[in-house]
Amino acid sequence: MTPAQLIARPLLCAVFLLAASVGHAEKADRNKPVNLEADRVTVDEIGKVHVFDGNVTLSQGTLIIRSDKLVVKQDAEGFQNGIATANSGKLARFRVKRDGKDEYIEGEGERIEYDAKTEITKFFNRAYVKSGLDEVRGQYIVFDGPNENYSVTSGPAGTVVPGRENRVHAVIQPKNKPAPEEATSGQPVRLQIAPSMSNPR
């Protein structure tokens, strides 16, 4: 196996699964080449650990991940998990187009973790995720891919921090917008939580 194959094999699985867990990623991306830029790459084939360090940019089709460090590990069962982190004062970011829709899912945080076994994605510190017109912001966001639900808290790792400045912020659009005559009938518009979210940057 060539050095390039050693690097690319875990990425082909891990990065696409990350995108798929947060929202239905464009299926065509799976067949696109993975392009990676980093200041340094370290491969531990025995320990199944791949480390990409320094100005990391990874793209595959519409999927783009930017971070200062990306670590991909594989456990004994063959499941992979990825951790993208940013240096102090910066954010790790990803962006991917939703399959069959003209909209993107975008997310950011000081750290983004993905577990392929559970298909759960976590965003830590200054976390933000947006899909279409829906958006959510907090210090900790957990997205459960199989169940298509999420939780957001104002403190790290699921804790709650008191104070108005720490409150979770979310904007959820109506799932089905009413017709013009319904909008003026005086009836309230019912908001429904969308199955996923993304970011407008």
N, C-alpha and C. Protein backbone atom coordinates (compact mmCIF):
# COMPACT_ATOMS: atom_id res chain seq x y z
N MET A 1 0.84 -1.19 0.00
CA MET A 1 0.00 0.00 0.00
C MET A 1 0.88 1.25 0.00
N THR A 2 0.55 2.20 -0.85
CA THR A 2 1.37 3.41 -0.97
C THR A 2 1.08 4.35 0.20
N PRO A 3 2.00 5.32 0.47
CA PRO A 3 1.74 6.30 1.53
C PRO A 3 0.43 7.06 1.32
N ALA A 4 0.14 7.39 0.08
CA ALA A 4 -1.10 8.13 -0.20
C ALA A 4 -2.33 7.30 0.17
N GLN A 5 -2.27 5.99 -0.10
CA GLN A 5 -3.39 5.12 0.25
C GLN A 5 -3.55 4.98 1.76
N LEU A 6 -2.42 4.94 2.47
CA LEU A 6 -2.46 4.85 3.93
C LEU A 6 -3.16 6.07 4.52
N ILE A 7 -2.93 7.22 3.91
CA ILE A 7 -3.54 8.45 4.39
C ILE A 7 -5.01 8.53 3.99
N ALA A 8 -5.31 8.19 2.75
CA ALA A 8 -6.65 8.42 2.21
C ALA A 8 -7.70 7.44 2.72
N ARG A 9 -7.32 6.19 2.98
CA ARG A 9 -8.30 5.17 3.34
C ARG A 9 -9.16 5.55 4.53
N PRO A 10 -8.59 5.96 5.69
CA PRO A 10 -9.46 6.32 6.81
C PRO A 10 -10.26 7.59 6.55
N LEU A 11 -9.71 8.49 5.77
CA LEU A 11 -10.42 9.75 5.51
C LEU A 11 -11.66 9.52 4.66
N LEU A 12 -11.57 8.64 3.69
CA LEU A 12 -12.71 8.38 2.82
C LEU A 12 -13.93 7.95 3.62
N CYS A 13 -13.69 7.19 4.69
CA CYS A 13 -14.79 6.76 5.55
C CYS A 13 -15.18 7.83 6.55
N ALA A 14 -14.20 8.33 7.28
CA ALA A 14 -14.48 9.20 8.41
C ALA A 14 -15.13 10.51 8.01
N VAL A 15 -14.60 11.19 7.00
CA VAL A 15 -15.12 12.52 6.68
C VAL A 15 -16.51 12.44 6.06
N PHE A 16 -16.77 11.41 5.24
CA PHE A 16 -18.09 11.31 4.65
C PHE A 16 -19.13 10.94 5.70
N LEU A 17 -18.75 10.06 6.63
CA LEU A 17 -19.66 9.69 7.70
C LEU A 17 -19.98 10.88 8.59
N LEU A 18 -18.98 11.74 8.81
CA LEU A 18 -19.21 12.96 9.59
C LEU A 18 -20.28 13.80 8.93
N ALA A 19 -20.14 14.02 7.63
CA ALA A 19 -21.12 14.84 6.92
C ALA A 19 -22.49 14.17 6.90
N ALA A 20 -22.51 12.85 6.70
CA ALA A 20 -23.78 12.14 6.62
C ALA A 20 -24.52 12.15 7.95
N SER A 21 -23.78 12.19 9.05
CA SER A 21 -24.43 12.16 10.36
C SER A 21 -25.15 13.45 10.66
N VAL A 22 -24.63 14.57 10.21
CA VAL A 22 -25.22 15.87 10.51
C VAL A 22 -26.37 16.18 9.57
N GLY A 23 -26.35 15.69 8.38
CA GLY A 23 -27.43 15.89 7.42
C GLY A 23 -27.15 15.02 6.23
N HIS A 24 -28.15 14.76 5.41
CA HIS A 24 -27.97 13.84 4.31
C HIS A 24 -27.06 14.47 3.26
N ALA A 25 -25.79 14.09 3.29
CA ALA A 25 -24.79 14.66 2.39
C ALA A 25 -25.06 14.22 0.96
N GLU A 26 -24.64 15.05 0.03
CA GLU A 26 -24.84 14.73 -1.38
C GLU A 26 -24.15 13.41 -1.71
N LYS A 27 -24.93 12.46 -2.25
CA LYS A 27 -24.40 11.12 -2.50
C LYS A 27 -23.27 11.13 -3.50
N ALA A 28 -23.30 12.07 -4.45
CA ALA A 28 -22.25 12.14 -5.47
C ALA A 28 -20.88 12.42 -4.86
N ASP A 29 -20.86 13.03 -3.67
CA ASP A 29 -19.57 13.33 -3.02
C ASP A 29 -18.76 12.08 -2.74
N ARG A 30 -19.46 10.97 -2.48
CA ARG A 30 -18.78 9.73 -2.12
C ARG A 30 -17.81 9.27 -3.20
N ASN A 31 -18.12 9.59 -4.45
CA ASN A 31 -17.29 9.14 -5.57
C ASN A 31 -16.26 10.17 -6.01
N LYS A 32 -16.19 11.28 -5.31
CA LYS A 32 -15.23 12.32 -5.66
C LYS A 32 -13.89 12.08 -4.94
N PRO A 33 -12.79 12.56 -5.52
CA PRO A 33 -11.48 12.40 -4.85
C PRO A 33 -11.39 13.24 -3.59
N VAL A 34 -10.60 12.75 -2.63
CA VAL A 34 -10.33 13.49 -1.40
C VAL A 34 -9.09 14.34 -1.61
N ASN A 35 -9.19 15.63 -1.38
CA ASN A 35 -8.05 16.53 -1.48
C ASN A 35 -7.70 17.03 -0.08
N LEU A 36 -6.44 16.92 0.28
CA LEU A 36 -6.03 17.27 1.63
C LEU A 36 -4.80 18.14 1.60
N GLU A 37 -4.83 19.20 2.42
CA GLU A 37 -3.66 20.06 2.61
C GLU A 37 -3.40 20.20 4.10
N ALA A 38 -2.15 20.03 4.52
CA ALA A 38 -1.76 20.20 5.92
C ALA A 38 -0.27 20.47 5.96
N ASP A 39 0.16 21.11 7.03
CA ASP A 39 1.60 21.37 7.17
C ASP A 39 2.37 20.10 7.48
N ARG A 40 1.69 19.15 8.16
CA ARG A 40 2.36 17.91 8.53
C ARG A 40 1.35 16.77 8.65
N VAL A 41 1.74 15.58 8.22
CA VAL A 41 0.89 14.39 8.32
C VAL A 41 1.68 13.28 9.00
N THR A 42 1.07 12.66 10.02
CA THR A 42 1.70 11.54 10.72
C THR A 42 0.77 10.34 10.64
N VAL A 43 1.30 9.19 10.20
CA VAL A 43 0.51 7.98 10.05
C VAL A 43 1.08 6.89 10.94
N ASP A 44 0.25 6.38 11.86
CA ASP A 44 0.61 5.24 12.70
C ASP A 44 -0.28 4.08 12.27
N GLU A 45 0.21 3.26 11.34
CA GLU A 45 -0.60 2.19 10.78
C GLU A 45 -0.88 1.10 11.81
N ILE A 46 0.05 0.85 12.70
CA ILE A 46 -0.17 -0.17 13.73
C ILE A 46 -1.22 0.29 14.73
N GLY A 47 -1.09 1.51 15.19
CA GLY A 47 -2.06 2.05 16.15
C GLY A 47 -3.33 2.57 15.51
N LYS A 48 -3.38 2.57 14.18
CA LYS A 48 -4.55 3.06 13.44
C LYS A 48 -4.89 4.50 13.80
N VAL A 49 -3.87 5.35 13.81
CA VAL A 49 -4.06 6.76 14.11
C VAL A 49 -3.43 7.60 13.01
N HIS A 50 -4.20 8.53 12.46
CA HIS A 50 -3.71 9.44 11.43
C HIS A 50 -3.87 10.87 11.95
N VAL A 51 -2.80 11.63 11.95
CA VAL A 51 -2.82 12.99 12.47
C VAL A 51 -2.44 13.97 11.36
N PHE A 52 -3.30 14.96 11.13
CA PHE A 52 -3.07 16.01 10.14
C PHE A 52 -2.96 17.31 10.92
N ASP A 53 -1.83 17.97 10.79
CA ASP A 53 -1.53 19.10 11.68
C ASP A 53 -1.15 20.35 10.88
N GLY A 54 -1.72 21.50 11.26
CA GLY A 54 -1.34 22.78 10.68
C GLY A 54 -2.12 23.17 9.44
N ASN A 55 -3.03 24.14 9.57
CA ASN A 55 -3.79 24.67 8.43
C ASN A 55 -4.42 23.56 7.59
N VAL A 56 -5.16 22.70 8.25
CA VAL A 56 -5.74 21.53 7.57
C VAL A 56 -6.96 21.94 6.75
N THR A 57 -6.96 21.57 5.49
CA THR A 57 -8.13 21.75 4.62
C THR A 57 -8.38 20.44 3.90
N LEU A 58 -9.56 19.89 4.09
CA LEU A 58 -9.92 18.63 3.45
C LEU A 58 -11.20 18.84 2.67
N SER A 59 -11.22 18.37 1.43
CA SER A 59 -12.42 18.51 0.62
C SER A 59 -12.68 17.22 -0.15
N GLN A 60 -13.97 16.94 -0.33
CA GLN A 60 -14.41 15.82 -1.16
C GLN A 60 -15.75 16.22 -1.76
N GLY A 61 -15.74 16.59 -3.03
CA GLY A 61 -16.95 17.10 -3.65
C GLY A 61 -17.37 18.40 -2.98
N THR A 62 -18.60 18.43 -2.47
CA THR A 62 -19.10 19.65 -1.81
C THR A 62 -18.69 19.73 -0.35
N LEU A 63 -18.11 18.65 0.19
CA LEU A 63 -17.71 18.63 1.59
C LEU A 63 -16.37 19.33 1.79
N ILE A 64 -16.33 20.26 2.75
CA ILE A 64 -15.09 20.96 3.09
C ILE A 64 -14.95 20.98 4.61
N ILE A 65 -13.78 20.58 5.11
CA ILE A 65 -13.47 20.66 6.53
C ILE A 65 -12.21 21.48 6.69
N ARG A 66 -12.26 22.47 7.58
CA ARG A 66 -11.08 23.29 7.86
C ARG A 66 -10.82 23.29 9.36
N SER A 67 -9.58 23.02 9.74
CA SER A 67 -9.22 23.01 11.16
C SER A 67 -7.71 23.18 11.28
N ASP A 68 -7.24 23.35 12.50
CA ASP A 68 -5.80 23.42 12.72
C ASP A 68 -5.21 22.03 12.93
N LYS A 69 -6.07 21.08 13.36
CA LYS A 69 -5.61 19.72 13.56
C LYS A 69 -6.77 18.76 13.35
N LEU A 70 -6.51 17.65 12.68
CA LEU A 70 -7.51 16.61 12.46
C LEU A 70 -6.90 15.27 12.81
N VAL A 71 -7.52 14.55 13.75
CA VAL A 71 -7.04 13.24 14.17
C VAL A 71 -8.11 12.21 13.85
N VAL A 72 -7.75 11.17 13.10
CA VAL A 72 -8.67 10.09 12.76
C VAL A 72 -8.13 8.80 13.37
N LYS A 73 -8.96 8.14 14.20
CA LYS A 73 -8.57 6.89 14.85
C LYS A 73 -9.54 5.78 14.48
N GLN A 74 -9.03 4.55 14.51
CA GLN A 74 -9.86 3.38 14.24
C GLN A 74 -9.76 2.41 15.40
N ASP A 75 -10.93 1.93 15.89
CA ASP A 75 -10.90 1.02 17.03
C ASP A 75 -10.76 -0.43 16.57
N ALA A 76 -10.76 -1.36 17.53
CA ALA A 76 -10.54 -2.78 17.23
C ALA A 76 -11.66 -3.36 16.38
N GLU A 77 -12.84 -2.77 16.42
CA GLU A 77 -13.97 -3.26 15.63
C GLU A 77 -13.99 -2.66 14.22
N GLY A 78 -13.06 -1.75 13.95
CA GLY A 78 -13.01 -1.13 12.63
C GLY A 78 -13.77 0.17 12.52
N PHE A 79 -14.41 0.59 13.61
CA PHE A 79 -15.12 1.87 13.59
C PHE A 79 -14.12 3.02 13.75
N GLN A 80 -14.43 4.13 13.09
CA GLN A 80 -13.53 5.28 13.14
C GLN A 80 -14.16 6.46 13.86
N ASN A 81 -13.31 7.26 14.46
CA ASN A 81 -13.79 8.52 15.01
C ASN A 81 -12.80 9.61 14.64
N GLY A 82 -13.33 10.78 14.42
CA GLY A 82 -12.50 11.91 14.02
C GLY A 82 -12.67 13.08 14.96
N ILE A 83 -11.58 13.79 15.20
CA ILE A 83 -11.61 14.98 16.05
C ILE A 83 -10.92 16.11 15.31
N ALA A 84 -11.68 17.16 15.00
CA ALA A 84 -11.12 18.35 14.36
C ALA A 84 -11.07 19.45 15.41
N THR A 85 -9.91 20.08 15.57
CA THR A 85 -9.75 21.12 16.58
C THR A 85 -9.15 22.38 15.98
N ALA A 86 -9.39 23.48 16.68
CA ALA A 86 -8.85 24.77 16.25
C ALA A 86 -7.94 25.33 17.34
N ASN A 87 -6.98 26.13 16.93
CA ASN A 87 -6.11 26.78 17.90
C ASN A 87 -6.89 27.84 18.67
N SER A 88 -6.29 28.35 19.73
CA SER A 88 -6.95 29.32 20.59
C SER A 88 -7.49 30.51 19.80
N GLY A 89 -8.75 30.83 20.02
CA GLY A 89 -9.38 31.96 19.37
C GLY A 89 -9.94 31.66 17.99
N LYS A 90 -9.73 30.44 17.49
CA LYS A 90 -10.21 30.08 16.16
C LYS A 90 -11.28 28.99 16.26
N LEU A 91 -11.87 28.62 15.11
CA LEU A 91 -12.92 27.61 15.08
C LEU A 91 -12.64 26.58 13.99
N ALA A 92 -12.98 25.33 14.27
CA ALA A 92 -12.98 24.29 13.23
C ALA A 92 -14.32 24.37 12.51
N ARG A 93 -14.30 24.18 11.20
CA ARG A 93 -15.52 24.35 10.41
C ARG A 93 -15.69 23.23 9.39
N PHE A 94 -16.97 22.94 9.08
CA PHE A 94 -17.24 22.05 7.96
C PHE A 94 -18.47 22.55 7.21
N ARG A 95 -18.55 22.15 5.95
CA ARG A 95 -19.66 22.57 5.09
C ARG A 95 -19.91 21.46 4.08
N VAL A 96 -21.18 21.12 3.85
CA VAL A 96 -21.52 20.08 2.88
C VAL A 96 -22.90 20.37 2.29
N LYS A 97 -23.10 20.02 1.04
CA LYS A 97 -24.39 20.22 0.38
C LYS A 97 -25.31 19.05 0.70
N ARG A 98 -26.57 19.35 0.97
CA ARG A 98 -27.54 18.29 1.23
C ARG A 98 -27.92 17.60 -0.06
N ASP A 99 -28.11 16.30 0.02
CA ASP A 99 -28.43 15.52 -1.16
C ASP A 99 -29.81 15.89 -1.71
N GLY A 100 -29.84 16.24 -3.00
CA GLY A 100 -31.10 16.54 -3.66
C GLY A 100 -31.70 17.89 -3.32
N LYS A 101 -30.97 18.72 -2.58
CA LYS A 101 -31.49 20.04 -2.21
C LYS A 101 -30.45 21.10 -2.49
N ASP A 102 -30.92 22.29 -2.82
CA ASP A 102 -30.01 23.40 -3.08
C ASP A 102 -29.76 24.16 -1.78
N GLU A 103 -29.23 23.45 -0.79
CA GLU A 103 -28.89 24.08 0.48
C GLU A 103 -27.73 23.34 1.12
N TYR A 104 -27.07 24.04 2.02
CA TYR A 104 -25.87 23.49 2.66
C TYR A 104 -26.07 23.36 4.16
N ILE A 105 -25.35 22.41 4.72
CA ILE A 105 -25.27 22.27 6.16
C ILE A 105 -23.89 22.73 6.56
N GLU A 106 -23.82 23.63 7.52
CA GLU A 106 -22.53 24.13 7.98
C GLU A 106 -22.49 24.09 9.50
N GLY A 107 -21.31 23.82 10.03
CA GLY A 107 -21.17 23.78 11.47
C GLY A 107 -19.79 24.25 11.88
N GLU A 108 -19.68 24.69 13.13
CA GLU A 108 -18.39 25.14 13.62
C GLU A 108 -18.33 25.00 15.14
N GLY A 109 -17.12 24.95 15.64
CA GLY A 109 -16.87 24.87 17.08
C GLY A 109 -15.37 24.83 17.30
N GLU A 110 -14.96 25.03 18.53
CA GLU A 110 -13.53 24.94 18.81
C GLU A 110 -13.05 23.50 18.64
N ARG A 111 -13.99 22.55 18.84
CA ARG A 111 -13.68 21.14 18.60
C ARG A 111 -14.92 20.45 18.04
N ILE A 112 -14.72 19.62 17.03
CA ILE A 112 -15.81 18.84 16.44
C ILE A 112 -15.41 17.37 16.52
N GLU A 113 -16.27 16.53 17.12
CA GLU A 113 -15.97 15.11 17.26
C GLU A 113 -17.04 14.29 16.56
N TYR A 114 -16.60 13.20 15.90
CA TYR A 114 -17.55 12.31 15.26
C TYR A 114 -17.21 10.87 15.59
N ASP A 115 -18.22 10.09 15.98
CA ASP A 115 -18.05 8.67 16.30
C ASP A 115 -18.83 7.86 15.28
N ALA A 116 -18.13 7.09 14.45
CA ALA A 116 -18.79 6.34 13.39
C ALA A 116 -19.65 5.20 13.94
N LYS A 117 -19.31 4.69 15.10
CA LYS A 117 -20.07 3.58 15.69
C LYS A 117 -21.45 4.04 16.12
N THR A 118 -21.53 5.18 16.76
CA THR A 118 -22.81 5.70 17.23
C THR A 118 -23.44 6.67 16.25
N GLU A 119 -22.66 7.15 15.28
CA GLU A 119 -23.09 8.16 14.31
C GLU A 119 -23.55 9.44 15.03
N ILE A 120 -22.82 9.79 16.06
CA ILE A 120 -23.12 11.00 16.82
C ILE A 120 -22.01 12.02 16.59
N THR A 121 -22.39 13.25 16.32
CA THR A 121 -21.45 14.34 16.13
C THR A 121 -21.61 15.34 17.27
N LYS A 122 -20.49 15.80 17.82
CA LYS A 122 -20.51 16.75 18.92
C LYS A 122 -19.71 18.00 18.55
N PHE A 123 -20.26 19.15 18.89
CA PHE A 123 -19.60 20.44 18.68
C PHE A 123 -19.36 21.07 20.05
N PHE A 124 -18.12 21.44 20.32
CA PHE A 124 -17.75 21.98 21.62
C PHE A 124 -17.34 23.45 21.53
N ASN A 125 -17.85 24.27 22.45
CA ASN A 125 -17.41 25.65 22.65
C ASN A 125 -17.65 26.54 21.42
N ARG A 126 -18.46 27.57 21.61
CA ARG A 126 -18.86 28.47 20.53
C ARG A 126 -19.44 27.67 19.36
N ALA A 127 -20.26 26.69 19.70
CA ALA A 127 -20.81 25.77 18.70
C ALA A 127 -21.95 26.42 17.93
N TYR A 128 -22.00 26.12 16.63
CA TYR A 128 -23.03 26.70 15.76
C TYR A 128 -23.28 25.74 14.61
N VAL A 129 -24.56 25.46 14.36
CA VAL A 129 -24.93 24.59 13.24
C VAL A 129 -26.13 25.22 12.54
N LYS A 130 -26.11 25.18 11.21
CA LYS A 130 -27.21 25.74 10.43
C LYS A 130 -27.52 24.86 9.24
N SER A 131 -28.82 24.66 8.97
CA SER A 131 -29.27 23.92 7.80
C SER A 131 -30.45 24.68 7.21
N GLY A 132 -30.30 25.08 5.96
CA GLY A 132 -31.35 25.90 5.36
C GLY A 132 -31.47 27.20 6.14
N LEU A 133 -32.68 27.48 6.64
CA LEU A 133 -32.90 28.69 7.43
C LEU A 133 -32.93 28.40 8.93
N ASP A 134 -32.79 27.13 9.30
CA ASP A 134 -32.77 26.76 10.72
C ASP A 134 -31.35 26.89 11.25
N GLU A 135 -31.23 27.39 12.47
CA GLU A 135 -29.90 27.53 13.05
C GLU A 135 -29.97 27.37 14.56
N VAL A 136 -28.88 26.94 15.14
CA VAL A 136 -28.81 26.79 16.59
C VAL A 136 -27.41 27.13 17.05
N ARG A 137 -27.34 27.76 18.22
CA ARG A 137 -26.05 28.18 18.75
C ARG A 137 -26.01 27.91 20.25
N GLY A 138 -24.87 27.41 20.73
CA GLY A 138 -24.69 27.15 22.16
C GLY A 138 -23.24 26.80 22.41
N GLN A 139 -22.95 26.36 23.62
CA GLN A 139 -21.58 25.96 23.94
C GLN A 139 -21.35 24.48 23.64
N TYR A 140 -22.44 23.72 23.49
CA TYR A 140 -22.30 22.28 23.26
C TYR A 140 -23.50 21.80 22.46
N ILE A 141 -23.25 21.22 21.30
CA ILE A 141 -24.31 20.70 20.45
C ILE A 141 -24.02 19.23 20.16
N VAL A 142 -25.03 18.38 20.37
CA VAL A 142 -24.91 16.96 20.05
C VAL A 142 -25.95 16.62 19.00
N PHE A 143 -25.52 16.04 17.88
CA PHE A 143 -26.45 15.62 16.84
C PHE A 143 -26.42 14.11 16.74
N ASP A 144 -27.59 13.48 16.93
CA ASP A 144 -27.75 12.03 16.84
C ASP A 144 -28.21 11.70 15.43
N GLY A 145 -27.28 11.22 14.60
CA GLY A 145 -27.59 10.96 13.20
C GLY A 145 -28.71 9.97 12.96
N PRO A 146 -28.66 8.76 13.56
CA PRO A 146 -29.70 7.76 13.30
C PRO A 146 -31.10 8.23 13.67
N ASN A 147 -31.22 8.98 14.76
CA ASN A 147 -32.53 9.44 15.21
C ASN A 147 -32.87 10.85 14.73
N GLU A 148 -31.93 11.50 14.04
CA GLU A 148 -32.13 12.84 13.50
C GLU A 148 -32.67 13.81 14.56
N ASN A 149 -32.02 13.83 15.72
CA ASN A 149 -32.38 14.82 16.72
C ASN A 149 -31.12 15.41 17.32
N TYR A 150 -31.28 16.52 18.00
CA TYR A 150 -30.13 17.21 18.55
C TYR A 150 -30.46 17.80 19.92
N SER A 151 -29.41 18.04 20.69
CA SER A 151 -29.57 18.74 21.96
C SER A 151 -28.50 19.82 22.05
N VAL A 152 -28.85 20.92 22.67
CA VAL A 152 -27.95 22.06 22.78
C VAL A 152 -27.97 22.55 24.22
N THR A 153 -26.80 22.83 24.78
CA THR A 153 -26.74 23.37 26.14
C THR A 153 -25.85 24.61 26.18
N SER A 154 -26.03 25.38 27.24
CA SER A 154 -25.30 26.64 27.38
C SER A 154 -23.94 26.47 28.01
N GLY A 155 -23.63 25.27 28.51
CA GLY A 155 -22.34 25.01 29.13
C GLY A 155 -21.62 23.86 28.46
N PRO A 156 -20.36 23.64 28.79
CA PRO A 156 -19.58 22.58 28.15
C PRO A 156 -20.07 21.18 28.51
N ALA A 157 -20.00 20.27 27.53
CA ALA A 157 -20.29 18.85 27.74
C ALA A 157 -21.64 18.60 28.40
N GLY A 158 -22.66 19.33 27.97
CA GLY A 158 -24.01 19.08 28.44
C GLY A 158 -24.42 19.78 29.71
N THR A 159 -23.57 20.61 30.28
CA THR A 159 -23.93 21.33 31.50
C THR A 159 -24.70 22.60 31.15
N VAL A 160 -25.34 23.16 32.16
CA VAL A 160 -26.10 24.40 31.97
C VAL A 160 -25.43 25.51 32.77
N VAL A 161 -25.15 26.62 32.09
CA VAL A 161 -24.53 27.77 32.74
C VAL A 161 -25.58 28.86 32.88
N PRO A 162 -25.85 29.34 34.10
CA PRO A 162 -26.87 30.38 34.28
C PRO A 162 -26.41 31.72 33.71
N GLY A 163 -27.39 32.57 33.43
CA GLY A 163 -27.07 33.90 32.91
C GLY A 163 -27.61 34.08 31.51
N ARG A 164 -28.20 35.23 31.25
CA ARG A 164 -28.83 35.50 29.96
C ARG A 164 -27.83 35.42 28.81
N GLU A 165 -26.61 35.87 29.03
CA GLU A 165 -25.62 35.88 27.96
C GLU A 165 -25.19 34.47 27.55
N ASN A 166 -25.51 33.47 28.38
CA ASN A 166 -25.11 32.10 28.08
C ASN A 166 -26.23 31.25 27.49
N ARG A 167 -27.40 31.83 27.31
CA ARG A 167 -28.56 31.05 26.87
C ARG A 167 -28.37 30.51 25.45
N VAL A 168 -28.98 29.35 25.21
CA VAL A 168 -28.98 28.75 23.88
C VAL A 168 -29.84 29.60 22.95
N HIS A 169 -29.40 29.77 21.72
CA HIS A 169 -30.16 30.53 20.73
C HIS A 169 -30.50 29.62 19.55
N ALA A 170 -31.77 29.61 19.16
CA ALA A 170 -32.19 28.78 18.02
C ALA A 170 -33.22 29.53 17.20
N VAL A 171 -33.17 29.33 15.89
CA VAL A 171 -34.17 29.85 14.96
C VAL A 171 -34.69 28.66 14.18
N ILE A 172 -35.96 28.33 14.36
CA ILE A 172 -36.58 27.18 13.70
C ILE A 172 -37.70 27.68 12.80
N GLN A 173 -37.59 27.42 11.52
CA GLN A 173 -38.60 27.86 10.56
C GLN A 173 -39.76 26.87 10.51
N PRO A 174 -40.96 27.32 10.13
CA PRO A 174 -42.09 26.40 9.96
C PRO A 174 -41.75 25.35 8.92
N LYS A 175 -42.14 24.10 9.19
CA LYS A 175 -41.85 23.03 8.23
C LYS A 175 -42.61 23.26 6.93
N ASN A 176 -43.88 23.65 7.05
CA ASN A 176 -44.70 23.97 5.88
C ASN A 176 -45.22 25.39 6.04
N LYS A 177 -44.72 26.29 5.20
CA LYS A 177 -45.16 27.68 5.31
C LYS A 177 -46.61 27.81 4.86
N PRO A 178 -47.43 28.58 5.57
CA PRO A 178 -48.84 28.72 5.22
C PRO A 178 -49.03 29.52 3.94
N ALA A 179 -50.15 29.27 3.28
CA ALA A 179 -50.52 30.07 2.11
C ALA A 179 -50.83 31.48 2.56
N PRO A 180 -50.78 32.47 1.65
CA PRO A 180 -51.01 33.87 2.04
C PRO A 180 -52.30 34.09 2.81
N GLU A 181 -53.43 33.42 2.40
CA GLU A 181 -54.69 33.64 3.10
C GLU A 181 -54.65 33.04 4.50
N GLU A 182 -53.91 31.96 4.68
CA GLU A 182 -53.78 31.35 6.00
C GLU A 182 -52.96 32.25 6.92
N ALA A 183 -51.96 32.90 6.34
CA ALA A 183 -51.07 33.74 7.14
C ALA A 183 -51.81 34.95 7.71
N THR A 184 -52.91 35.36 7.06
CA THR A 184 -53.64 36.55 7.52
C THR A 184 -54.92 36.18 8.25
N SER A 185 -55.15 34.89 8.50
CA SER A 185 -56.39 34.46 9.13
C SER A 185 -56.41 34.65 10.64
N GLY A 186 -55.28 35.05 11.21
CA GLY A 186 -55.22 35.24 12.65
C GLY A 186 -54.83 33.98 13.39
N GLN A 187 -54.69 32.87 12.69
CA GLN A 187 -54.27 31.62 13.31
C GLN A 187 -52.76 31.62 13.52
N PRO A 188 -52.29 31.13 14.66
CA PRO A 188 -50.84 31.10 14.90
C PRO A 188 -50.15 30.09 13.99
N VAL A 189 -48.92 30.39 13.65
CA VAL A 189 -48.12 29.49 12.83
C VAL A 189 -47.41 28.51 13.74
N ARG A 190 -47.54 27.24 13.48
CA ARG A 190 -46.91 26.22 14.31
C ARG A 190 -45.49 25.96 13.83
N LEU A 191 -44.53 26.11 14.71
CA LEU A 191 -43.13 25.85 14.38
C LEU A 191 -42.81 24.40 14.67
N GLN A 192 -42.08 23.77 13.76
CA GLN A 192 -41.66 22.39 13.95
C GLN A 192 -40.16 22.31 13.83
N ILE A 193 -39.55 21.50 14.69
CA ILE A 193 -38.10 21.34 14.64
C ILE A 193 -37.71 20.57 13.40
N ALA A 194 -36.80 21.13 12.62
CA ALA A 194 -36.31 20.46 11.43
C ALA A 194 -35.37 19.34 11.85
N PRO A 195 -35.25 18.25 11.03
CA PRO A 195 -34.39 17.14 11.41
C PRO A 195 -32.93 17.48 11.46
N SER A 196 -32.49 18.55 10.81
CA SER A 196 -31.07 18.92 10.84
C SER A 196 -30.91 20.40 10.60
N MET A 197 -29.67 20.87 10.69
CA MET A 197 -29.38 22.30 10.57
C MET A 197 -28.12 22.55 9.76
N SER A 198 -27.83 23.85 9.28
CA SER A 198 -26.54 24.26 8.64
C SER A 198 -26.18 25.75 8.74
N ASN A 199 -24.99 26.33 8.30
CA ASN A 199 -24.47 27.70 8.61
C ASN A 199 -24.25 28.62 7.40
N PRO A 200 -24.58 29.94 7.50
CA PRO A 200 -24.59 30.82 6.33
C PRO A 200 -23.31 31.55 6.06
N ARG A 201 -22.18 31.00 6.27
CA ARG A 201 -20.97 31.79 6.09
C ARG A 201 -20.29 31.45 4.80
